[in-house]
Amino acid sequence: MVLQPIIELASICSQKGVKNAILSPGSRCAPITLAFARHPDIKTRTISDERSAAFIALGIAQQLEQPVVLVCTSGSAAYNYAPAIAEAYFQQIPLIVITADRPPEWIDQWDGQTIRQTKIYGKHVKGFFQFPDEFGHADKVWHANRIVNEAINLANQFPAGPVHINIPMREPFYPEKAESFDYSKPVRIIEALVTEQKLSEESKERLAEALSGFKRILIVPGQQRPDSDIQHLLDDLAKNGKAVVVTDTISNLQSDPTVNHHDHFVGNEHFYEKLRPDLILTFGKSIISKNLKLFLRKSKAAHWHVQSAGYVPDTFQSLTRTIHCEVRDFLKFLNETLTANSRFASSWNTLENKMRQGFPSIMESAEFGEYQAISICLKAIPATSKIQLANSMAVRYVNFLGKRTQEIMCNRGTSGIDGSSSTAVGCAMTTEEFVTLVTGDMAFFYDRNAFWHNYPTSHLRIILLNNHAGGIFRLIEGPAKQPELEEYFETSQKLDGRSLANEFGFGYHLALDAESLNIGLQDFYSKSTVPKILEIQSESPKNAEILKWIKSKIQERF
């Protein structure tokens, strides 16, 4: 028999806007699984590998900007959620994580699939909620209702993030054959009213007075979803010389007026004084460019961060003000308040324009390797495709190559290699447009269970950079100098994408040079009934040489 409070758990989720649930098979979680699987208004999918399941849920929640439910059985299954939960926490993505558990009296008694699940995710969830272990008293039913409402409200509250509901379950787990679930019973819904935070007139006056003391203002948006309103406001500030706007690819705010090639010149000491700001304005989450981070830390400029609420990191070690308001409201205020500083804007724009004019010819003259391959592929990706970038070199190459018009996604919350393929699969489950995963071989094979499911994702396209190693370690001065580089840092491997394509029935093309790459791209984005893999094989030492050569040519131009 499935208890009514478990059925009402699914009802509350549905009525509070949850439309998707990712379920992993298990017996202890069977009542919870069935409560969601039978609900008429919740789309459920089953993913066997809990680590992949959690990242797939993350990809769905990221795109829909709605909480997604995760359900798994007791024991180590719950721990497999941990990497994606940490990623969701730092990316501010709402997940409702529901784990079945043994009754409390059986914890630490050597019972099967039993671990200590209380607060298992520590500080990487916004809240932990322990469900009642029985419902013999009316207050227990009331308590269960309150827990679900509070958990979903908390997950949605800015900054959004994952919450954990742990549910002790006693046998029997399975309903009788003729047992039906009653979703029609009324359930109490606790609404959370969210209002926009706008700057008061008094706050505007104080900020205007403070801004008058700064002449060299640099705006650095962090990772976020595309937003046309914010884009227009930033473009106006940049075009009118009121501020310089520097945009990494994961900001999804790159445009012609913004500075997109900064990674190539902010580390140059010759330009330091010309480019140094006296005020840094930020919003959004993290940035990619290490050169930019080091440059801003060295500048010792005052740093103001804008967000509606929540904890604010001190990324550049100079945070002096947090401004709790809507970003659009603040940018409108800046457009009305700031005056132009054409000299400061010109210093940045001159270098940016020099890169835009000279970089394409440098790339064309470079030897073929994964850097040039990515440059070629980016020109072929449809404007409507969403792009999921794996960590390590994939996201860095794209950032080096300048402005992108497609939506860029990357798991930069923890910046791990795990889960990028699964996140792309989750994204593909939310759209009929192409989703392009650009990934290195280590991230790709590490997350191969992303494709172990029964759901159609024929519009998924995978660009696999296979140098048979973790090539980024050749580009980091420390490991690159060590005699143990190849065995203990690069961890060389002999796998290729063809075997995986055959196993899962994907389309496949191998590229070894520019000619075979262009051949593969000709029909890569034609419609198909299955996903496609375009594998670009190269050599890790050669890729490192090419990157150094390109960097040297850029420095010659400056």
Protein backbone atom coordinates (compact mmCIF):
# COMPACT_ATOMS: atom_id res chain seq x y z
CA MET A 1 0.00 0.00 0.00
CA VAL A 2 1.33 3.44 -0.95
CA LEU A 3 0.52 5.91 1.82
CA GLN A 4 -1.50 8.99 0.90
CA PRO A 5 1.15 11.50 2.12
CA ILE A 6 3.57 10.02 -0.45
CA ILE A 7 0.95 10.43 -3.18
CA GLU A 8 0.31 13.98 -1.98
CA LEU A 9 4.06 14.66 -2.20
CA ALA A 10 3.74 14.32 -5.98
CA SER A 11 0.52 16.37 -6.01
CA ILE A 12 2.13 19.26 -4.16
CA CYS A 13 5.14 19.19 -6.50
CA SER A 14 2.83 19.34 -9.51
CA GLN A 15 0.72 22.18 -8.14
CA LYS A 16 3.86 24.17 -7.32
CA GLY A 17 5.13 24.00 -10.90
CA VAL A 18 7.22 20.83 -11.03
CA LYS A 19 6.69 19.24 -14.44
CA ASN A 20 9.63 16.81 -14.69
CA ALA A 21 11.04 14.01 -12.55
CA ILE A 22 14.07 11.79 -13.14
CA LEU A 23 13.71 8.42 -11.42
CA SER A 24 16.36 5.76 -10.84
CA PRO A 25 15.24 2.15 -10.28
CA GLY A 26 15.15 0.75 -6.75
CA SER A 27 12.89 -1.09 -4.35
CA ARG A 28 13.02 1.09 -1.24
CA CYS A 29 12.01 4.10 -3.36
CA ALA A 30 9.19 2.25 -5.16
CA PRO A 31 6.28 4.09 -3.45
CA ILE A 32 7.84 7.48 -4.28
CA THR A 33 8.66 6.40 -7.83
CA LEU A 34 5.11 5.20 -8.46
CA ALA A 35 3.61 8.36 -6.96
CA PHE A 36 5.44 10.43 -9.58
CA ALA A 37 5.24 7.93 -12.46
CA ARG A 38 1.43 7.73 -12.19
CA HIS A 39 0.84 11.46 -11.79
CA PRO A 40 -0.87 12.69 -14.98
CA ASP A 41 0.83 16.10 -15.05
CA ILE A 42 4.45 15.16 -14.35
CA LYS A 43 6.77 13.93 -17.10
CA THR A 44 8.88 11.10 -15.71
CA ARG A 45 11.97 9.41 -17.14
CA THR A 46 14.01 6.58 -15.68
CA ILE A 47 17.82 6.78 -15.72
CA SER A 48 19.67 3.83 -14.17
CA ASP A 49 22.98 5.53 -13.33
CA GLU A 50 22.27 7.98 -10.50
CA ARG A 51 25.28 10.17 -11.31
CA SER A 52 24.08 10.62 -14.90
CA ALA A 53 20.47 10.94 -13.73
CA ALA A 54 21.32 13.90 -11.53
CA PHE A 55 23.20 15.75 -14.27
CA ILE A 56 20.38 15.06 -16.74
CA ALA A 57 17.96 16.59 -14.22
CA LEU A 58 20.32 19.54 -13.89
CA GLY A 59 20.30 20.04 -17.67
CA ILE A 60 16.50 20.01 -17.74
CA ALA A 61 16.14 22.40 -14.79
CA GLN A 62 18.76 24.74 -16.21
CA GLN A 63 16.85 25.16 -19.45
CA LEU A 64 13.30 25.24 -18.10
CA GLU A 65 14.28 27.35 -15.07
CA GLN A 66 11.94 25.13 -13.03
CA PRO A 67 12.70 22.63 -10.27
CA VAL A 68 13.17 19.02 -11.38
CA VAL A 69 12.58 16.13 -9.00
CA LEU A 70 15.19 13.39 -8.49
CA VAL A 71 14.21 10.09 -6.84
CA CYS A 72 16.55 7.26 -5.86
CA THR A 73 16.71 4.33 -3.47
CA SER A 74 18.63 4.17 -0.19
CA GLY A 75 22.36 3.64 0.31
CA SER A 76 25.19 4.55 -2.04
CA ALA A 77 22.69 5.49 -4.77
CA ALA A 78 22.17 8.78 -2.95
CA TYR A 79 25.90 9.53 -2.90
CA ASN A 80 26.05 9.25 -6.68
CA TYR A 81 23.90 12.37 -6.87
CA ALA A 82 26.54 14.40 -5.04
CA PRO A 83 28.61 15.80 -7.98
CA ALA A 84 25.53 17.13 -9.76
CA ILE A 85 24.07 18.51 -6.54
CA ALA A 86 27.28 20.47 -5.88
CA GLU A 87 27.19 21.75 -9.47
CA ALA A 88 23.54 22.76 -9.13
CA TYR A 89 24.29 24.56 -5.86
CA PHE A 90 27.00 26.75 -7.36
CA GLN A 91 25.14 27.22 -10.65
CA GLN A 92 22.01 28.15 -8.68
CA ILE A 93 19.79 25.54 -10.36
CA PRO A 94 16.73 24.21 -8.48
CA LEU A 95 16.56 20.46 -7.86
CA ILE A 96 14.20 18.61 -5.49
CA VAL A 97 16.32 15.64 -4.40
CA ILE A 98 14.23 12.87 -2.83
CA THR A 99 16.05 9.89 -1.37
CA ALA A 100 14.38 6.84 0.12
CA ASP A 101 15.95 5.67 3.39
CA ARG A 102 15.79 2.85 5.92
CA PRO A 103 13.69 3.54 9.04
CA PRO A 104 15.80 5.32 11.71
CA GLU A 105 15.98 2.27 14.00
CA TRP A 106 17.80 0.33 11.27
CA ILE A 107 20.57 2.82 10.63
CA ASP A 108 24.01 1.48 11.68
CA GLN A 109 22.62 -2.05 12.14
CA TRP A 110 24.34 -3.61 9.10
CA ASP A 111 21.09 -3.72 7.20
CA GLY A 112 21.47 -3.79 3.41
CA GLN A 113 21.78 -0.56 1.42
CA THR A 114 21.90 1.45 4.61
CA ILE A 115 24.16 4.45 5.14
CA ARG A 116 23.87 7.69 7.14
CA GLN A 117 21.72 9.79 4.81
CA THR A 118 20.88 12.61 7.23
CA LYS A 119 22.41 15.81 5.78
CA ILE A 120 24.44 13.66 3.38
CA TYR A 121 25.05 16.58 1.00
CA GLY A 122 26.27 18.92 3.72
CA LYS A 123 26.43 22.58 2.73
CA HIS A 124 25.88 21.86 -0.96
CA VAL A 125 22.10 21.96 -0.59
CA LYS A 126 20.05 24.96 0.47
CA GLY A 127 18.16 22.86 2.98
CA PHE A 128 17.73 19.33 4.36
CA PHE A 129 14.30 17.98 5.29
CA GLN A 130 13.63 14.69 7.10
CA PHE A 131 10.22 13.25 6.25
CA PRO A 132 8.16 11.53 9.00
CA ASP A 133 8.74 7.79 9.20
CA GLU A 134 5.06 7.04 9.88
CA PHE A 135 1.72 8.84 9.59
CA GLY A 136 -0.33 7.48 12.49
CA HIS A 137 -0.98 10.95 13.88
CA ALA A 138 -2.57 13.86 12.00
CA ASP A 139 0.36 16.11 12.91
CA LYS A 140 2.70 13.78 10.99
CA VAL A 141 0.60 14.28 7.85
CA TRP A 142 0.58 18.05 8.41
CA HIS A 143 4.36 17.96 8.92
CA ALA A 144 4.92 16.08 5.64
CA ASN A 145 2.84 18.65 3.75
CA ARG A 146 4.75 21.53 5.31
CA ILE A 147 8.13 19.95 4.47
CA VAL A 148 7.32 19.59 0.77
CA ASN A 149 5.99 23.14 0.50
CA GLU A 150 8.98 24.62 2.32
CA ALA A 151 11.49 22.61 0.29
CA ILE A 152 10.11 23.71 -3.08
CA ASN A 153 9.79 27.33 -1.96
CA LEU A 154 13.40 27.28 -0.78
CA ALA A 155 14.65 25.70 -4.01
CA ASN A 156 13.01 28.51 -6.02
CA GLN A 157 14.02 31.35 -3.71
CA PHE A 158 16.87 33.47 -5.10
CA PRO A 159 19.53 32.26 -5.43
CA ALA A 160 17.86 29.04 -6.57
CA GLY A 161 19.44 25.70 -5.75
CA PRO A 162 19.01 22.07 -4.70
CA VAL A 163 17.14 20.89 -1.61
CA HIS A 164 17.11 17.41 -0.08
CA ILE A 165 14.09 15.50 1.26
CA ASN A 166 15.03 12.20 2.93
CA ILE A 167 12.12 9.76 3.34
CA PRO A 168 12.35 6.71 5.63
CA MET A 169 10.26 3.90 4.09
CA ARG A 170 8.90 0.72 5.67
CA GLU A 171 7.59 -2.30 3.85
CA PRO A 172 5.34 -3.04 2.05
CA PHE A 173 6.68 -0.91 -0.80
CA TYR A 174 4.36 -1.94 -3.60
CA PRO A 175 0.63 -1.30 -4.00
CA GLU A 176 -1.86 -4.08 -4.50
CA LYS A 177 -2.69 -4.92 -8.11
CA ALA A 178 -6.04 -3.11 -8.08
CA GLU A 179 -4.90 -0.19 -5.90
CA SER A 180 -5.40 3.22 -7.50
CA PHE A 181 -3.76 6.50 -6.53
CA ASP A 182 -6.03 9.39 -5.60
CA TYR A 183 -4.56 12.68 -6.78
CA SER A 184 -7.89 14.47 -6.50
CA LYS A 185 -7.76 14.98 -2.73
CA PRO A 186 -7.13 18.65 -1.94
CA VAL A 187 -3.66 19.46 -0.62
CA ARG A 188 -2.55 22.61 1.12
CA ILE A 189 -0.24 24.81 -0.95
CA ILE A 190 1.97 27.39 0.74
CA GLU A 191 2.75 30.11 -1.80
CA ALA A 192 5.86 32.26 -1.68
CA LEU A 193 5.28 35.71 -3.17
CA VAL A 194 8.37 37.03 -4.97
CA THR A 195 8.65 40.76 -5.63
CA GLU A 196 11.22 42.67 -7.67
CA GLN A 197 13.84 44.60 -5.71
CA LYS A 198 14.25 48.05 -7.16
CA LEU A 199 16.61 50.84 -6.15
CA SER A 200 14.98 53.49 -3.99
CA GLU A 201 15.53 57.16 -4.82
CA GLU A 202 17.69 57.48 -1.71
CA SER A 203 19.83 54.53 -2.83
CA LYS A 204 20.21 56.05 -6.29
CA GLU A 205 21.43 59.31 -4.80
CA ARG A 206 23.99 57.52 -2.62
CA LEU A 207 25.20 55.37 -5.50
CA ALA A 208 25.41 58.34 -7.89
CA GLU A 209 27.56 60.20 -5.38
CA ALA A 210 29.82 57.17 -4.96
CA LEU A 211 30.06 56.63 -8.74
CA SER A 212 31.21 60.21 -9.25
CA GLY A 213 34.51 59.24 -7.65
CA PHE A 214 35.28 56.63 -10.35
CA LYS A 215 36.34 57.35 -13.93
CA ARG A 216 37.45 53.94 -15.25
CA ILE A 217 34.52 51.58 -14.86
CA LEU A 218 34.69 47.96 -15.98
CA ILE A 219 31.57 45.78 -16.09
CA VAL A 220 32.21 42.02 -15.95
CA PRO A 221 29.10 39.82 -16.22
CA GLY A 222 29.49 36.27 -14.94
CA GLN A 223 27.86 33.05 -16.09
CA GLN A 224 24.12 33.35 -16.79
CA ARG A 225 21.35 32.62 -19.29
CA PRO A 226 20.90 34.89 -22.31
CA ASP A 227 18.83 38.01 -21.59
CA SER A 228 18.01 40.45 -24.39
CA ASP A 229 17.04 43.28 -22.01
CA ILE A 230 20.34 43.08 -20.13
CA GLN A 231 22.19 42.77 -23.46
CA HIS A 232 20.68 46.01 -24.79
CA LEU A 233 21.45 47.91 -21.59
CA LEU A 234 25.07 46.72 -21.58
CA ASP A 235 25.48 47.52 -25.27
CA ASP A 236 24.24 51.08 -24.68
CA LEU A 237 26.76 51.57 -21.86
CA ALA A 238 29.60 50.24 -24.02
CA LYS A 239 28.65 52.11 -27.23
CA ASN A 240 28.39 55.41 -25.36
CA GLY A 241 31.76 54.92 -23.63
CA LYS A 242 30.20 55.08 -20.17
CA ALA A 243 31.77 51.77 -19.18
CA VAL A 244 33.84 48.99 -20.70
CA VAL A 245 31.95 45.67 -20.79
CA VAL A 246 34.12 42.50 -20.80
CA THR A 247 32.27 39.28 -21.60
CA ASP A 248 33.38 35.64 -21.30
CA THR A 249 31.57 33.16 -23.52
CA ILE A 250 29.59 31.71 -20.57
CA SER A 251 28.08 35.15 -19.82
CA ASN A 252 25.88 34.74 -22.91
CA LEU A 253 26.14 38.52 -23.28
CA GLN A 254 28.79 38.83 -25.98
CA SER A 255 28.14 41.38 -28.72
CA ASP A 256 29.97 43.75 -31.05
CA PRO A 257 30.12 46.59 -28.48
CA THR A 258 31.51 44.32 -25.73
CA VAL A 259 35.10 43.11 -25.34
CA ASN A 260 35.26 39.39 -26.22
CA HIS A 261 38.98 38.66 -26.87
CA HIS A 262 40.31 39.97 -23.54
CA ASP A 263 41.93 36.63 -22.64
CA HIS A 264 44.62 37.33 -25.26
CA PHE A 265 45.81 40.70 -23.97
CA VAL A 266 44.84 41.45 -20.34
CA GLY A 267 47.87 39.50 -19.13
CA ASN A 268 50.26 41.69 -21.12
CA GLU A 269 52.15 43.95 -18.67
CA HIS A 270 52.67 46.56 -21.40
CA PHE A 271 48.94 47.39 -21.37
CA TYR A 272 48.34 47.14 -17.64
CA GLU A 273 48.09 50.85 -16.81
CA LYS A 274 45.93 51.64 -19.84
CA LEU A 275 43.44 48.90 -19.02
CA ARG A 276 43.39 49.08 -15.24
CA PRO A 277 39.94 50.03 -13.85
CA ASP A 278 39.24 51.86 -10.64
CA LEU A 279 35.80 50.25 -10.25
CA ILE A 280 34.68 46.72 -11.17
CA LEU A 281 30.94 46.10 -11.48
CA THR A 282 29.82 42.46 -11.61
CA PHE A 283 26.65 40.40 -11.71
CA GLY A 284 25.96 36.76 -12.51
CA LYS A 285 28.20 33.92 -11.40
CA SER A 286 31.78 32.89 -12.25
CA ILE A 287 34.03 33.85 -15.18
CA ILE A 288 36.38 31.56 -17.13
CA SER A 289 39.44 33.66 -17.90
CA LYS A 290 42.25 33.18 -15.40
CA ASN A 291 44.13 36.06 -17.04
CA LEU A 292 41.18 38.34 -16.35
CA LYS A 293 40.89 37.19 -12.74
CA LEU A 294 44.60 37.81 -12.09
CA PHE A 295 44.45 41.19 -13.84
CA LEU A 296 41.48 42.33 -11.75
CA ARG A 297 43.04 41.10 -8.50
CA LYS A 298 46.22 42.97 -9.29
CA SER A 299 44.30 46.16 -10.10
CA LYS A 300 43.07 46.52 -6.48
CA ALA A 301 40.06 48.33 -7.95
CA ALA A 302 36.94 48.70 -5.83
CA HIS A 303 34.43 45.94 -6.60
CA TRP A 304 30.64 46.22 -6.47
CA HIS A 305 28.47 43.15 -7.03
CA VAL A 306 24.79 43.29 -7.96
CA GLN A 307 22.27 40.54 -7.17
CA SER A 308 18.84 40.27 -5.60
CA ALA A 309 19.90 38.40 -2.46
CA GLY A 310 22.24 35.77 -1.09
CA TYR A 311 25.92 35.22 -0.46
CA VAL A 312 28.39 37.24 -2.56
CA PRO A 313 31.91 35.83 -3.21
CA ASP A 314 34.93 38.14 -3.08
CA THR A 315 36.48 36.78 -6.30
CA PHE A 316 38.88 39.66 -6.90
CA GLN A 317 39.79 40.25 -3.23
CA SER A 318 38.49 43.80 -3.36
CA LEU A 319 34.74 43.60 -2.74
CA THR A 320 33.57 46.87 -1.20
CA ARG A 321 29.82 46.98 -1.88
CA THR A 322 26.95 44.55 -2.51
CA ILE A 323 23.86 45.98 -4.16
CA HIS A 324 20.67 43.99 -3.65
CA CYS A 325 18.41 44.82 -6.55
CA GLU A 326 17.40 43.52 -9.97
CA VAL A 327 20.26 43.72 -12.48
CA ARG A 328 18.09 45.41 -15.13
CA ASP A 329 17.13 48.15 -12.68
CA PHE A 330 20.77 48.79 -11.81
CA LEU A 331 21.90 48.90 -15.46
CA LYS A 332 19.11 51.37 -16.29
CA PHE A 333 20.36 53.52 -13.43
CA LEU A 334 23.93 53.34 -14.79
CA ASN A 335 22.80 54.43 -18.26
CA GLU A 336 21.05 57.44 -16.72
CA THR A 337 23.89 58.36 -14.35
CA LEU A 338 27.31 57.67 -15.88
CA THR A 339 29.20 59.99 -18.19
CA ALA A 340 31.52 58.86 -20.97
CA ASN A 341 35.25 58.23 -20.54
CA SER A 342 36.35 57.90 -24.15
CA ARG A 343 40.05 57.43 -23.32
CA PHE A 344 39.48 54.40 -21.08
CA ALA A 345 37.00 52.86 -23.53
CA SER A 346 39.39 53.49 -26.42
CA SER A 347 42.24 51.68 -24.64
CA TRP A 348 40.18 48.49 -24.46
CA ASN A 349 38.47 48.83 -27.84
CA THR A 350 41.72 49.42 -29.72
CA LEU A 351 43.14 46.11 -28.49
CA GLU A 352 39.84 44.31 -29.04
CA ASN A 353 39.61 45.55 -32.64
CA LYS A 354 43.21 44.57 -33.32
CA MET A 355 42.40 41.04 -32.16
CA ARG A 356 39.22 40.85 -34.24
CA GLN A 357 41.09 41.93 -37.37
CA GLY A 358 44.21 39.81 -36.95
CA PHE A 359 43.07 36.67 -35.15
CA PRO A 360 41.28 34.97 -38.09
CA SER A 361 44.40 35.04 -40.27
CA ILE A 362 46.50 33.61 -37.42
CA MET A 363 44.04 30.76 -36.99
CA GLU A 364 43.97 30.04 -40.72
CA SER A 365 47.76 29.81 -40.89
CA ALA A 366 48.05 27.56 -37.82
CA GLU A 367 48.68 23.83 -38.19
CA PHE A 368 45.64 21.61 -37.89
CA GLY A 369 44.89 20.47 -34.36
CA GLU A 370 42.01 20.71 -31.93
CA TYR A 371 42.26 24.53 -31.67
CA GLN A 372 41.76 25.04 -35.42
CA ALA A 373 39.21 22.22 -35.49
CA ILE A 374 37.06 24.00 -32.90
CA SER A 375 37.34 27.23 -34.89
CA ILE A 376 36.09 25.43 -38.01
CA CYS A 377 33.26 23.67 -36.15
CA LEU A 378 31.96 26.83 -34.50
CA LYS A 379 31.35 28.37 -37.91
CA ALA A 380 29.16 25.37 -38.84
CA ILE A 381 27.02 25.21 -35.69
CA PRO A 382 23.53 26.59 -36.38
CA ALA A 383 22.67 29.87 -34.68
CA THR A 384 19.70 28.21 -32.98
CA SER A 385 21.72 25.34 -31.52
CA LYS A 386 22.47 25.36 -27.82
CA ILE A 387 26.11 24.57 -27.05
CA GLN A 388 27.19 22.55 -24.00
CA LEU A 389 30.92 22.89 -23.37
CA ALA A 390 32.88 20.39 -21.31
CA ASN A 391 35.48 21.72 -18.90
CA SER A 392 39.26 21.72 -19.40
CA MET A 393 40.21 22.81 -22.94
CA ALA A 394 36.82 22.77 -24.71
CA VAL A 395 35.43 25.77 -22.85
CA ARG A 396 38.77 27.60 -23.01
CA TYR A 397 39.13 27.19 -26.77
CA VAL A 398 35.66 28.60 -27.32
CA ASN A 399 36.39 31.49 -24.98
CA PHE A 400 39.61 32.27 -26.88
CA LEU A 401 37.73 32.37 -30.19
CA GLY A 402 35.51 35.33 -29.35
CA LYS A 403 31.85 36.19 -29.81
CA ARG A 404 29.21 33.46 -29.94
CA THR A 405 25.54 33.99 -30.77
CA GLN A 406 24.35 30.58 -29.58
CA GLU A 407 23.43 29.96 -25.95
CA ILE A 408 26.52 28.60 -24.17
CA MET A 409 26.24 26.20 -21.26
CA CYS A 410 29.08 24.81 -19.17
CA ASN A 411 29.23 23.26 -15.72
CA ARG A 412 31.37 26.00 -14.19
CA GLY A 413 29.82 25.71 -10.74
CA THR A 414 32.46 23.16 -9.76
CA SER A 415 34.28 23.08 -13.14
CA GLY A 416 34.57 19.28 -13.05
CA ILE A 417 34.76 17.00 -16.08
CA ASP A 418 31.96 14.78 -14.76
CA GLY A 419 28.46 15.30 -16.08
CA SER A 420 28.85 17.56 -19.12
CA SER A 421 27.49 14.89 -21.48
CA SER A 422 24.57 14.13 -19.16
CA THR A 423 23.79 17.84 -18.81
CA ALA A 424 23.69 18.12 -22.61
CA VAL A 425 21.33 15.13 -22.76
CA GLY A 426 19.08 16.83 -20.19
CA CYS A 427 19.09 20.00 -22.27
CA ALA A 428 18.18 17.97 -25.39
CA MET A 429 15.16 16.63 -23.53
CA THR A 430 13.76 20.17 -23.27
CA THR A 431 14.03 21.36 -26.87
CA GLU A 432 13.61 20.27 -30.48
CA GLU A 433 16.48 22.54 -31.59
CA PHE A 434 19.96 21.12 -32.03
CA VAL A 435 22.05 20.72 -28.89
CA THR A 436 25.80 20.57 -29.57
CA LEU A 437 28.13 19.03 -27.00
CA VAL A 438 31.77 20.06 -27.42
CA THR A 439 33.87 17.80 -25.23
CA GLY A 440 37.31 16.36 -24.67
CA ASP A 441 37.90 12.63 -24.54
CA MET A 442 38.41 12.41 -20.77
CA ALA A 443 35.09 14.13 -19.99
CA PHE A 444 33.30 12.18 -22.73
CA PHE A 445 34.33 8.67 -21.70
CA TYR A 446 34.05 9.50 -17.99
CA ASP A 447 30.35 10.27 -18.52
CA ARG A 448 29.49 7.58 -21.10
CA ASN A 449 26.39 6.51 -19.15
CA ALA A 450 24.81 9.81 -20.18
CA PHE A 451 23.63 7.94 -23.28
CA TRP A 452 22.38 4.85 -21.45
CA HIS A 453 18.65 5.59 -21.56
CA ASN A 454 15.59 4.94 -23.72
CA TYR A 455 14.61 8.48 -24.72
CA PRO A 456 14.98 10.05 -28.17
CA THR A 457 17.63 12.77 -28.52
CA SER A 458 18.13 12.63 -32.29
CA HIS A 459 18.96 16.35 -32.39
CA LEU A 460 22.00 15.87 -30.13
CA ARG A 461 25.34 16.50 -31.86
CA ILE A 462 28.66 15.61 -30.21
CA ILE A 463 31.99 17.14 -31.25
CA LEU A 464 34.60 14.95 -29.56
CA LEU A 465 38.17 16.25 -29.26
CA ASN A 466 40.15 13.07 -28.73
CA ASN A 467 43.85 13.56 -28.07
CA HIS A 468 43.90 10.33 -26.04
CA ALA A 469 44.90 12.20 -22.89
CA GLY A 470 44.06 15.04 -20.52
CA GLY A 471 45.83 17.53 -22.77
CA ILE A 472 45.28 20.56 -20.51
CA PHE A 473 48.07 19.33 -18.21
CA ARG A 474 50.65 20.01 -20.95
CA LEU A 475 49.58 23.65 -20.82
CA ILE A 476 49.93 24.04 -17.05
CA GLU A 477 53.51 24.87 -16.12
CA GLY A 478 53.63 22.66 -13.01
CA PRO A 479 52.62 19.23 -14.37
CA ALA A 480 54.10 19.95 -17.81
CA LYS A 481 57.61 19.92 -16.29
CA GLN A 482 57.17 16.64 -14.41
CA PRO A 483 58.59 13.33 -15.73
CA GLU A 484 55.34 11.69 -14.55
CA LEU A 485 53.24 13.93 -16.85
CA GLU A 486 51.99 11.28 -19.26
CA GLU A 487 51.16 8.54 -16.75
CA TYR A 488 49.87 10.43 -13.73
CA PHE A 489 48.47 13.70 -15.10
CA GLU A 490 47.50 13.18 -18.74
CA THR A 491 46.42 9.59 -17.99
CA SER A 492 46.75 8.42 -21.59
CA GLN A 493 43.94 6.25 -22.97
CA LYS A 494 43.32 4.42 -26.25
CA LEU A 495 39.52 4.72 -26.51
CA ASP A 496 37.75 6.23 -29.49
CA GLY A 497 34.21 7.36 -30.19
CA ARG A 498 33.47 4.78 -32.88
CA SER A 499 32.94 1.96 -30.39
CA LEU A 500 30.54 4.02 -28.29
CA ALA A 501 28.68 5.12 -31.44
CA ASN A 502 28.27 1.50 -32.48
CA GLU A 503 27.16 0.49 -28.99
CA PHE A 504 24.43 3.13 -28.79
CA GLY A 505 23.57 3.26 -32.51
CA PHE A 506 24.79 6.84 -33.09
CA GLY A 507 25.95 8.32 -36.38
CA TYR A 508 29.73 8.66 -36.53
CA HIS A 509 32.43 10.43 -38.56
CA LEU A 510 36.19 10.54 -37.91
CA ALA A 511 38.23 13.64 -38.78
CA LEU A 512 42.03 13.60 -38.85
CA ASP A 513 42.63 16.84 -40.76
CA ALA A 514 40.82 19.94 -42.01
CA GLU A 515 39.65 18.23 -45.19
CA SER A 516 38.02 15.26 -43.45
CA LEU A 517 36.57 17.60 -40.82
CA ASN A 518 34.86 19.75 -43.46
CA ILE A 519 33.51 16.60 -45.12
CA GLY A 520 32.06 15.46 -41.80
CA LEU A 521 30.46 18.85 -41.16
CA GLN A 522 28.62 18.86 -44.50
CA ASP A 523 25.72 16.76 -43.23
CA PHE A 524 26.45 16.83 -39.49
CA TYR A 525 23.42 19.04 -38.87
CA SER A 526 21.09 17.37 -41.32
CA LYS A 527 18.07 15.77 -39.67
CA SER A 528 18.52 12.21 -38.45
CA THR A 529 16.81 9.61 -36.31
CA VAL A 530 19.83 9.25 -33.99
CA PRO A 531 22.44 11.52 -32.38
CA LYS A 532 25.73 12.01 -34.25
CA ILE A 533 29.36 12.02 -33.12
CA LEU A 534 32.05 13.95 -34.98
CA GLU A 535 35.35 12.73 -33.56
CA ILE A 536 38.46 14.85 -34.14
CA GLN A 537 41.61 12.92 -33.31
CA SER A 538 44.86 14.73 -32.63
CA GLU A 539 48.05 14.45 -30.59
CA SER A 540 48.32 16.10 -27.19
CA PRO A 541 51.98 17.28 -27.58
CA LYS A 542 51.19 18.76 -31.00
CA ASN A 543 48.14 20.61 -29.66
CA ALA A 544 50.31 22.19 -26.97
CA GLU A 545 52.84 23.34 -29.58
CA ILE A 546 50.10 24.84 -31.77
CA LEU A 547 48.58 26.76 -28.86
CA LYS A 548 51.98 28.19 -27.93
CA TRP A 549 52.60 29.16 -31.57
CA ILE A 550 49.26 30.98 -31.80
CA LYS A 551 49.95 32.81 -28.54
CA SER A 552 53.36 33.91 -29.86
CA LYS A 553 51.81 35.24 -33.08
CA ILE A 554 49.26 37.21 -31.08
CA GLN A 555 52.01 38.77 -28.97
CA GLU A 556 53.87 39.74 -32.15
CA ARG A 557 50.82 41.73 -33.27
CA PHE A 558 50.87 43.65 -30.01
